[in-house]
Amino acid sequence: MPDIFKEIKDWNDDMRSWPNLMYGDIYNYLIRSKAVNGETMKNFKRLQSYNYFQSGNVDKILHFNATDNKIFMKASVRSSQTVSRLNDAYVMCTGEGAAEQAWCTCMAGLELSCSHVGA
């Protein structure tokens, strides 16, 4: 996770100022964006994250509007393996809603793509 997320103190809880992040933006990030090795992620399994979201595993989603047309979002997401464990998922997107990068504190999140990020 980049240090910028650690530096933000004024997270916003008003979803009216969220970016226009659509399913297609999430698809493009999880499937078409480049992985660490330079290949496309093609992470089709992570598209099931919607079900994860629908099941109530995502806590309050907070965001921060940066001055350079970047929006940073974060949420705590309940682990599917251990209900008592929470993972912190972070997403950096443009003001138009295109997801550019994501991180998570879970093991799979180190690869920049996991169910918690998708949820």
N, C-alpha and C. Protein backbone atom coordinates (compact mmCIF):
# COMPACT_ATOMS: atom_id res chain seq x y z
N MET A 1 0.85 -1.18 0.00
CA MET A 1 0.00 0.00 0.00
C MET A 1 0.89 1.24 0.00
N PRO A 2 0.59 2.18 -0.88
CA PRO A 2 1.37 3.41 -0.91
C PRO A 2 1.21 4.23 0.37
N ASP A 3 2.21 5.00 0.68
CA ASP A 3 2.18 5.82 1.89
C ASP A 3 1.07 6.87 1.88
N ILE A 4 0.61 7.26 0.69
CA ILE A 4 -0.43 8.28 0.61
C ILE A 4 -1.66 7.89 1.42
N PHE A 5 -2.00 6.61 1.46
CA PHE A 5 -3.17 6.17 2.23
C PHE A 5 -2.94 6.37 3.72
N LYS A 6 -1.71 6.21 4.16
CA LYS A 6 -1.39 6.40 5.58
C LYS A 6 -1.43 7.86 5.97
N GLU A 7 -1.17 8.74 5.00
CA GLU A 7 -1.11 10.17 5.28
C GLU A 7 -2.48 10.83 5.32
N ILE A 8 -3.47 10.23 4.72
CA ILE A 8 -4.81 10.83 4.67
C ILE A 8 -5.47 10.74 6.03
N LYS A 9 -5.90 11.88 6.53
CA LYS A 9 -6.57 11.94 7.84
C LYS A 9 -8.05 12.30 7.71
N ASP A 10 -8.42 12.94 6.60
CA ASP A 10 -9.79 13.44 6.43
C ASP A 10 -10.60 12.57 5.49
N TRP A 11 -10.86 11.33 5.86
CA TRP A 11 -11.67 10.45 5.04
C TRP A 11 -13.12 10.91 5.09
N ASN A 12 -13.80 10.85 3.96
CA ASN A 12 -15.16 11.33 3.82
C ASN A 12 -16.14 10.15 3.81
N ASP A 13 -17.26 10.33 4.48
CA ASP A 13 -18.28 9.27 4.56
C ASP A 13 -19.50 9.57 3.70
N ASP A 14 -19.44 10.58 2.84
CA ASP A 14 -20.58 11.02 2.04
C ASP A 14 -20.53 10.37 0.66
N MET A 15 -21.36 9.36 0.43
CA MET A 15 -21.30 8.64 -0.84
C MET A 15 -21.79 9.47 -2.03
N ARG A 16 -22.39 10.63 -1.78
CA ARG A 16 -22.80 11.50 -2.88
C ARG A 16 -21.59 12.04 -3.65
N SER A 17 -20.41 12.03 -3.04
CA SER A 17 -19.22 12.52 -3.73
C SER A 17 -18.28 11.38 -4.14
N TRP A 18 -18.81 10.17 -4.20
CA TRP A 18 -18.03 9.04 -4.72
C TRP A 18 -17.79 9.24 -6.21
N PRO A 19 -16.76 8.62 -6.73
CA PRO A 19 -16.60 8.64 -8.19
C PRO A 19 -17.66 7.75 -8.83
N ASN A 20 -17.87 7.92 -10.10
CA ASN A 20 -18.84 7.12 -10.84
C ASN A 20 -18.21 5.78 -11.22
N LEU A 21 -17.91 4.97 -10.24
CA LEU A 21 -17.25 3.69 -10.43
C LEU A 21 -18.30 2.64 -10.80
N MET A 22 -18.21 2.12 -12.01
CA MET A 22 -19.20 1.18 -12.52
C MET A 22 -18.62 -0.23 -12.63
N TYR A 23 -19.50 -1.19 -12.85
CA TYR A 23 -19.07 -2.58 -13.00
C TYR A 23 -17.99 -2.72 -14.07
N GLY A 24 -18.15 -2.02 -15.18
CA GLY A 24 -17.17 -2.08 -16.27
C GLY A 24 -15.79 -1.62 -15.83
N ASP A 25 -15.73 -0.61 -14.96
CA ASP A 25 -14.45 -0.13 -14.44
C ASP A 25 -13.79 -1.21 -13.58
N ILE A 26 -14.59 -1.88 -12.78
CA ILE A 26 -14.06 -2.95 -11.93
C ILE A 26 -13.60 -4.11 -12.80
N TYR A 27 -14.39 -4.45 -13.82
CA TYR A 27 -14.02 -5.51 -14.76
C TYR A 27 -12.69 -5.17 -15.43
N ASN A 28 -12.58 -3.96 -15.96
CA ASN A 28 -11.34 -3.57 -16.64
C ASN A 28 -10.13 -3.67 -15.71
N TYR A 29 -10.31 -3.29 -14.45
CA TYR A 29 -9.19 -3.37 -13.53
C TYR A 29 -8.80 -4.83 -13.26
N LEU A 30 -9.79 -5.66 -12.90
CA LEU A 30 -9.49 -7.04 -12.49
C LEU A 30 -9.09 -7.94 -13.66
N ILE A 31 -9.56 -7.66 -14.86
CA ILE A 31 -9.32 -8.54 -16.00
C ILE A 31 -8.24 -7.99 -16.93
N ARG A 32 -8.33 -6.73 -17.28
CA ARG A 32 -7.48 -6.18 -18.33
C ARG A 32 -6.21 -5.47 -17.86
N SER A 33 -6.18 -5.01 -16.62
CA SER A 33 -5.00 -4.26 -16.20
C SER A 33 -3.80 -5.20 -16.02
N LYS A 34 -2.64 -4.63 -15.96
CA LYS A 34 -1.40 -5.40 -15.90
C LYS A 34 -1.09 -5.83 -14.47
N ALA A 35 -0.65 -7.05 -14.34
CA ALA A 35 -0.21 -7.59 -13.06
C ALA A 35 1.25 -7.21 -12.84
N VAL A 36 1.80 -7.63 -11.75
CA VAL A 36 3.19 -7.34 -11.40
C VAL A 36 4.16 -7.83 -12.48
N ASN A 37 3.84 -8.96 -13.10
CA ASN A 37 4.73 -9.53 -14.11
C ASN A 37 4.54 -8.94 -15.50
N GLY A 38 3.65 -7.93 -15.64
CA GLY A 38 3.44 -7.28 -16.93
C GLY A 38 2.35 -7.91 -17.78
N GLU A 39 1.86 -9.08 -17.39
CA GLU A 39 0.78 -9.75 -18.11
C GLU A 39 -0.56 -9.21 -17.61
N THR A 40 -1.61 -9.38 -18.42
CA THR A 40 -2.93 -8.97 -17.95
C THR A 40 -3.36 -9.89 -16.80
N MET A 41 -4.08 -9.32 -15.84
CA MET A 41 -4.44 -10.09 -14.65
C MET A 41 -5.38 -11.24 -14.96
N LYS A 42 -6.37 -11.01 -15.83
CA LYS A 42 -7.35 -12.04 -16.18
C LYS A 42 -7.90 -12.74 -14.94
N ASN A 43 -8.23 -11.96 -13.95
CA ASN A 43 -8.67 -12.50 -12.68
C ASN A 43 -10.19 -12.65 -12.66
N PHE A 44 -10.70 -13.57 -13.49
CA PHE A 44 -12.15 -13.76 -13.64
C PHE A 44 -12.83 -14.17 -12.34
N LYS A 45 -12.15 -14.93 -11.52
CA LYS A 45 -12.74 -15.40 -10.27
C LYS A 45 -13.13 -14.22 -9.37
N ARG A 46 -12.40 -13.15 -9.43
CA ARG A 46 -12.67 -12.00 -8.57
C ARG A 46 -13.93 -11.24 -8.96
N LEU A 47 -14.48 -11.53 -10.13
CA LEU A 47 -15.73 -10.88 -10.52
C LEU A 47 -16.89 -11.35 -9.66
N GLN A 48 -16.70 -12.38 -8.88
CA GLN A 48 -17.72 -12.85 -7.95
C GLN A 48 -17.78 -11.97 -6.70
N SER A 49 -16.99 -10.94 -6.67
CA SER A 49 -16.94 -10.04 -5.53
C SER A 49 -18.26 -9.37 -5.24
N TYR A 50 -19.11 -9.22 -6.26
CA TYR A 50 -20.42 -8.62 -6.05
C TYR A 50 -21.22 -9.42 -5.03
N ASN A 51 -21.17 -10.74 -5.13
CA ASN A 51 -21.86 -11.59 -4.15
C ASN A 51 -21.28 -11.38 -2.76
N TYR A 52 -20.00 -11.18 -2.71
CA TYR A 52 -19.32 -10.91 -1.45
C TYR A 52 -19.84 -9.61 -0.85
N PHE A 53 -20.01 -8.61 -1.69
CA PHE A 53 -20.54 -7.32 -1.26
C PHE A 53 -21.99 -7.48 -0.80
N GLN A 54 -22.80 -8.19 -1.59
CA GLN A 54 -24.21 -8.38 -1.28
C GLN A 54 -24.43 -9.12 0.04
N SER A 55 -23.48 -9.94 0.43
CA SER A 55 -23.65 -10.71 1.66
C SER A 55 -23.35 -9.89 2.91
N GLY A 56 -23.00 -8.62 2.73
CA GLY A 56 -22.80 -7.75 3.88
C GLY A 56 -21.40 -7.79 4.48
N ASN A 57 -20.43 -8.28 3.73
CA ASN A 57 -19.07 -8.37 4.26
C ASN A 57 -18.26 -7.09 4.15
N VAL A 58 -18.83 -6.06 3.52
CA VAL A 58 -18.11 -4.80 3.36
C VAL A 58 -18.61 -3.80 4.38
N ASP A 59 -17.68 -3.24 5.15
CA ASP A 59 -18.01 -2.22 6.14
C ASP A 59 -18.18 -0.88 5.42
N LYS A 60 -18.29 0.17 6.15
CA LYS A 60 -18.44 1.51 5.60
C LYS A 60 -17.31 1.84 4.62
N ILE A 61 -17.68 2.37 3.45
CA ILE A 61 -16.70 2.76 2.44
C ILE A 61 -16.42 4.25 2.58
N LEU A 62 -15.16 4.57 2.78
CA LEU A 62 -14.73 5.95 2.93
C LEU A 62 -13.92 6.37 1.72
N HIS A 63 -13.86 7.66 1.45
CA HIS A 63 -13.09 8.13 0.30
C HIS A 63 -12.43 9.48 0.61
N PHE A 64 -11.46 9.80 -0.22
CA PHE A 64 -10.75 11.08 -0.12
C PHE A 64 -10.54 11.60 -1.53
N ASN A 65 -10.99 12.81 -1.81
CA ASN A 65 -10.79 13.44 -3.11
C ASN A 65 -9.49 14.22 -3.09
N ALA A 66 -8.51 13.75 -3.84
CA ALA A 66 -7.23 14.45 -3.92
C ALA A 66 -7.32 15.57 -4.95
N THR A 67 -6.36 16.45 -4.95
CA THR A 67 -6.39 17.61 -5.85
C THR A 67 -6.01 17.26 -7.28
N ASP A 68 -5.42 16.12 -7.53
CA ASP A 68 -4.95 15.76 -8.87
C ASP A 68 -5.92 14.83 -9.61
N ASN A 69 -7.24 15.00 -9.37
CA ASN A 69 -8.28 14.19 -10.01
C ASN A 69 -8.18 12.72 -9.64
N LYS A 70 -7.60 12.42 -8.50
CA LYS A 70 -7.54 11.05 -8.00
C LYS A 70 -8.48 10.95 -6.80
N ILE A 71 -9.11 9.82 -6.69
CA ILE A 71 -9.97 9.56 -5.54
C ILE A 71 -9.48 8.27 -4.90
N PHE A 72 -9.26 8.32 -3.60
CA PHE A 72 -8.80 7.18 -2.84
C PHE A 72 -9.97 6.67 -2.02
N MET A 73 -10.19 5.36 -2.08
CA MET A 73 -11.28 4.75 -1.33
C MET A 73 -10.74 3.64 -0.44
N LYS A 74 -11.40 3.43 0.68
CA LYS A 74 -10.99 2.34 1.58
C LYS A 74 -12.20 1.78 2.30
N ALA A 75 -12.09 0.51 2.65
CA ALA A 75 -13.14 -0.15 3.41
C ALA A 75 -12.56 -1.36 4.11
N SER A 76 -13.13 -1.69 5.24
CA SER A 76 -12.79 -2.93 5.90
C SER A 76 -13.73 -4.00 5.36
N VAL A 77 -13.17 -5.17 5.02
CA VAL A 77 -13.95 -6.24 4.42
C VAL A 77 -13.73 -7.51 5.23
N ARG A 78 -14.82 -8.13 5.62
CA ARG A 78 -14.76 -9.36 6.41
C ARG A 78 -14.19 -10.49 5.58
N SER A 79 -13.30 -11.23 6.16
CA SER A 79 -12.66 -12.35 5.49
C SER A 79 -13.67 -13.48 5.27
N SER A 80 -13.57 -14.14 4.13
CA SER A 80 -14.48 -15.25 3.86
C SER A 80 -14.07 -16.50 4.64
N GLN A 81 -12.83 -16.59 5.00
CA GLN A 81 -12.33 -17.76 5.71
C GLN A 81 -12.54 -17.65 7.23
N THR A 82 -12.30 -16.47 7.78
CA THR A 82 -12.44 -16.25 9.21
C THR A 82 -13.33 -15.04 9.42
N VAL A 83 -14.54 -15.27 9.87
CA VAL A 83 -15.54 -14.21 9.98
C VAL A 83 -15.07 -13.08 10.89
N SER A 84 -14.27 -13.39 11.89
CA SER A 84 -13.84 -12.37 12.84
C SER A 84 -12.70 -11.51 12.31
N ARG A 85 -12.10 -11.90 11.20
CA ARG A 85 -10.96 -11.14 10.66
C ARG A 85 -11.43 -10.12 9.63
N LEU A 86 -10.91 -8.91 9.74
CA LEU A 86 -11.19 -7.86 8.76
C LEU A 86 -9.93 -7.55 7.96
N ASN A 87 -10.09 -7.39 6.66
CA ASN A 87 -9.00 -6.97 5.79
C ASN A 87 -9.31 -5.55 5.34
N ASP A 88 -8.28 -4.75 5.18
CA ASP A 88 -8.46 -3.39 4.69
C ASP A 88 -8.18 -3.36 3.20
N ALA A 89 -9.18 -2.95 2.42
CA ALA A 89 -9.05 -2.85 0.97
C ALA A 89 -8.98 -1.37 0.58
N TYR A 90 -8.09 -1.05 -0.35
CA TYR A 90 -7.87 0.31 -0.81
C TYR A 90 -7.94 0.35 -2.33
N VAL A 91 -8.54 1.40 -2.88
CA VAL A 91 -8.62 1.57 -4.32
C VAL A 91 -8.27 3.02 -4.67
N MET A 92 -7.46 3.18 -5.70
CA MET A 92 -7.17 4.51 -6.23
C MET A 92 -7.81 4.58 -7.61
N CYS A 93 -8.68 5.56 -7.83
CA CYS A 93 -9.33 5.69 -9.13
C CYS A 93 -9.33 7.14 -9.57
N THR A 94 -9.67 7.34 -10.83
CA THR A 94 -9.76 8.69 -11.37
C THR A 94 -11.09 9.30 -10.95
N GLY A 95 -11.22 10.60 -11.12
CA GLY A 95 -12.47 11.26 -10.81
C GLY A 95 -13.63 10.76 -11.66
N GLU A 96 -13.30 10.19 -12.83
CA GLU A 96 -14.33 9.63 -13.70
C GLU A 96 -14.72 8.22 -13.31
N GLY A 97 -13.98 7.60 -12.39
CA GLY A 97 -14.33 6.28 -11.89
C GLY A 97 -13.49 5.13 -12.37
N ALA A 98 -12.50 5.37 -13.21
CA ALA A 98 -11.65 4.26 -13.67
C ALA A 98 -10.69 3.83 -12.56
N ALA A 99 -10.78 2.57 -12.16
CA ALA A 99 -9.88 2.05 -11.12
C ALA A 99 -8.47 1.94 -11.70
N GLU A 100 -7.50 2.53 -11.01
CA GLU A 100 -6.12 2.51 -11.48
C GLU A 100 -5.25 1.51 -10.74
N GLN A 101 -5.43 1.44 -9.42
CA GLN A 101 -4.67 0.49 -8.62
C GLN A 101 -5.47 0.14 -7.38
N ALA A 102 -5.17 -1.01 -6.81
CA ALA A 102 -5.86 -1.45 -5.60
C ALA A 102 -4.90 -2.28 -4.76
N TRP A 103 -5.17 -2.29 -3.48
CA TRP A 103 -4.34 -3.03 -2.54
C TRP A 103 -5.25 -3.60 -1.46
N CYS A 104 -4.78 -4.63 -0.80
CA CYS A 104 -5.52 -5.21 0.32
C CYS A 104 -4.51 -5.79 1.30
N THR A 105 -4.92 -5.88 2.55
CA THR A 105 -4.03 -6.42 3.58
C THR A 105 -4.07 -7.95 3.65
N CYS A 106 -4.89 -8.59 2.81
CA CYS A 106 -4.91 -10.05 2.80
C CYS A 106 -3.74 -10.58 1.96
N MET A 107 -3.51 -11.88 1.99
CA MET A 107 -2.41 -12.48 1.25
C MET A 107 -2.56 -12.28 -0.26
N ALA A 108 -3.76 -12.45 -0.79
CA ALA A 108 -3.97 -12.29 -2.23
C ALA A 108 -3.88 -10.82 -2.64
N GLY A 109 -4.15 -9.91 -1.71
CA GLY A 109 -4.10 -8.48 -1.99
C GLY A 109 -2.71 -7.99 -2.32
N LEU A 110 -1.70 -8.75 -1.96
CA LEU A 110 -0.33 -8.38 -2.31
C LEU A 110 -0.13 -8.41 -3.81
N GLU A 111 -0.99 -9.15 -4.52
CA GLU A 111 -0.92 -9.22 -5.98
C GLU A 111 -1.77 -8.13 -6.62
N LEU A 112 -2.31 -7.21 -5.84
CA LEU A 112 -3.12 -6.09 -6.29
C LEU A 112 -4.50 -6.50 -6.80
N SER A 113 -4.93 -7.70 -6.47
CA SER A 113 -6.22 -8.17 -6.98
C SER A 113 -6.75 -9.28 -6.07
N CYS A 114 -7.85 -9.00 -5.41
CA CYS A 114 -8.46 -10.01 -4.55
C CYS A 114 -9.96 -9.74 -4.45
N SER A 115 -10.69 -10.64 -3.84
CA SER A 115 -12.13 -10.50 -3.68
C SER A 115 -12.49 -9.29 -2.83
N HIS A 116 -11.64 -8.97 -1.87
CA HIS A 116 -11.91 -7.83 -0.99
C HIS A 116 -11.87 -6.53 -1.78
N VAL A 117 -10.92 -6.41 -2.67
CA VAL A 117 -10.79 -5.22 -3.53
C VAL A 117 -12.00 -5.12 -4.45
N GLY A 118 -12.39 -6.23 -5.06
CA GLY A 118 -13.55 -6.23 -5.96
C GLY A 118 -14.83 -5.88 -5.24
N ALA A 119 -14.97 -6.37 -4.01
CA ALA A 119 -16.19 -6.08 -3.22
C ALA A 119 -16.24 -4.62 -2.88
